């Protein structure tokens, strides 16, 4: 069973970091995935890791407390 059968069709695609920086790769991915959006942050992966590190260290009590 594939992801779409489990989760349903995507309503939007958000891309960040890595391949999203390459114009050529973005064009190919957009042909396959359709239009996508970019988050309002740079280095989204590093930001997420830092926030979850803060959760593990007790700086944040729950995900809803993230800025």
C-alpha atoms as a PDB file:
ATOM      1  CA  UNK A   1       0.000   0.000   0.000  1.00  0.00           C
ATOM      2  CA  UNK A   2       1.370   3.414  -0.966  1.00  0.00           C
ATOM      3  CA  UNK A   3       1.381   6.706   0.904  1.00  0.00           C
ATOM      4  CA  UNK A   4      -1.561   8.135  -1.030  1.00  0.00           C
ATOM      5  CA  UNK A   5      -3.721   5.137  -0.185  1.00  0.00           C
ATOM      6  CA  UNK A   6      -2.940   5.656   3.502  1.00  0.00           C
ATOM      7  CA  UNK A   7      -2.941   9.458   3.783  1.00  0.00           C
ATOM      8  CA  UNK A   8      -4.972  10.510   0.756  1.00  0.00           C
ATOM      9  CA  UNK A   9      -3.865  12.940  -1.935  1.00  0.00           C
ATOM     10  CA  UNK A  10      -1.690  15.865  -0.832  1.00  0.00           C
ATOM     11  CA  UNK A  11      -3.456  19.197  -0.585  1.00  0.00           C
ATOM     12  CA  UNK A  12      -0.160  21.101  -0.780  1.00  0.00           C
ATOM     13  CA  UNK A  13       3.556  20.394  -1.015  1.00  0.00           C
ATOM     14  CA  UNK A  14       6.126  22.429   0.925  1.00  0.00           C
ATOM     15  CA  UNK A  15       9.807  22.096   0.061  1.00  0.00           C
ATOM     16  CA  UNK A  16      12.849  23.221   2.009  1.00  0.00           C
ATOM     17  CA  UNK A  17      16.629  22.978   1.874  1.00  0.00           C
ATOM     18  CA  UNK A  18      18.569  20.397  -0.126  1.00  0.00           C
ATOM     19  CA  UNK A  19      17.248  19.881  -3.641  1.00  0.00           C
ATOM     20  CA  UNK A  20      14.978  22.941  -3.375  1.00  0.00           C
ATOM     21  CA  UNK A  21      18.062  25.112  -3.982  1.00  0.00           C
ATOM     22  CA  UNK A  22      18.690  23.673  -7.441  1.00  0.00           C
ATOM     23  CA  UNK A  23      16.640  25.313 -10.219  1.00  0.00           C
ATOM     24  CA  UNK A  24      17.023  22.270 -12.501  1.00  0.00           C
ATOM     25  CA  UNK A  25      15.901  19.807  -9.830  1.00  0.00           C
ATOM     26  CA  UNK A  26      13.006  22.097  -8.813  1.00  0.00           C
ATOM     27  CA  UNK A  27      11.732  22.143 -12.393  1.00  0.00           C
ATOM     28  CA  UNK A  28      11.812  18.346 -12.654  1.00  0.00           C
ATOM     29  CA  UNK A  29      10.210  17.852  -9.233  1.00  0.00           C
ATOM     30  CA  UNK A  30       7.519  20.409 -10.039  1.00  0.00           C
ATOM     31  CA  UNK A  31       6.623  18.481 -13.204  1.00  0.00           C
ATOM     32  CA  UNK A  32       6.158  15.343 -11.087  1.00  0.00           C
ATOM     33  CA  UNK A  33       4.706  16.801  -7.868  1.00  0.00           C
ATOM     34  CA  UNK A  34       2.882  19.855  -9.175  1.00  0.00           C
ATOM     35  CA  UNK A  35       3.210  23.311  -7.681  1.00  0.00           C
ATOM     36  CA  UNK A  36       4.874  23.648  -4.298  1.00  0.00           C
ATOM     37  CA  UNK A  37       5.493  26.282  -1.660  1.00  0.00           C
ATOM     38  CA  UNK A  38       8.555  27.389   0.276  1.00  0.00           C
ATOM     39  CA  UNK A  39       8.534  27.898   4.059  1.00  0.00           C
ATOM     40  CA  UNK A  40       9.168  31.349   5.531  1.00  0.00           C
ATOM     41  CA  UNK A  41      12.401  30.143   7.162  1.00  0.00           C
ATOM     42  CA  UNK A  42      15.817  29.217   5.829  1.00  0.00           C
ATOM     43  CA  UNK A  43      17.501  26.026   6.995  1.00  0.00           C
ATOM     44  CA  UNK A  44      14.163  24.547   8.067  1.00  0.00           C
ATOM     45  CA  UNK A  45      15.766  21.191   8.926  1.00  0.00           C
ATOM     46  CA  UNK A  46      18.257  22.790  11.316  1.00  0.00           C
ATOM     47  CA  UNK A  47      15.510  24.883  12.902  1.00  0.00           C
ATOM     48  CA  UNK A  48      13.349  21.798  13.451  1.00  0.00           C
ATOM     49  CA  UNK A  49      16.261  19.880  14.954  1.00  0.00           C
ATOM     50  CA  UNK A  50      17.029  22.765  17.316  1.00  0.00           C
ATOM     51  CA  UNK A  51      13.407  23.071  18.421  1.00  0.00           C
ATOM     52  CA  UNK A  52      13.074  19.351  19.095  1.00  0.00           C
ATOM     53  CA  UNK A  53      16.419  19.457  20.911  1.00  0.00           C
ATOM     54  CA  UNK A  54      14.921  22.163  23.104  1.00  0.00           C
ATOM     55  CA  UNK A  55      11.923  19.921  23.721  1.00  0.00           C
ATOM     56  CA  UNK A  56      14.181  17.025  24.733  1.00  0.00           C
ATOM     57  CA  UNK A  57      16.204  19.324  27.026  1.00  0.00           C
ATOM     58  CA  UNK A  58      13.088  20.645  28.728  1.00  0.00           C
ATOM     59  CA  UNK A  59      13.288  24.167  27.318  1.00  0.00           C
ATOM     60  CA  UNK A  60       9.874  23.598  25.735  1.00  0.00           C
ATOM     61  CA  UNK A  61       7.243  21.518  27.496  1.00  0.00           C
ATOM     62  CA  UNK A  62       5.377  20.562  24.315  1.00  0.00           C
ATOM     63  CA  UNK A  63       5.460  21.137  20.554  1.00  0.00           C
ATOM     64  CA  UNK A  64       2.709  23.738  20.837  1.00  0.00           C
ATOM     65  CA  UNK A  65       5.159  25.919  22.821  1.00  0.00           C
ATOM     66  CA  UNK A  66       7.548  26.264  19.868  1.00  0.00           C
ATOM     67  CA  UNK A  67       7.882  29.838  18.581  1.00  0.00           C
END
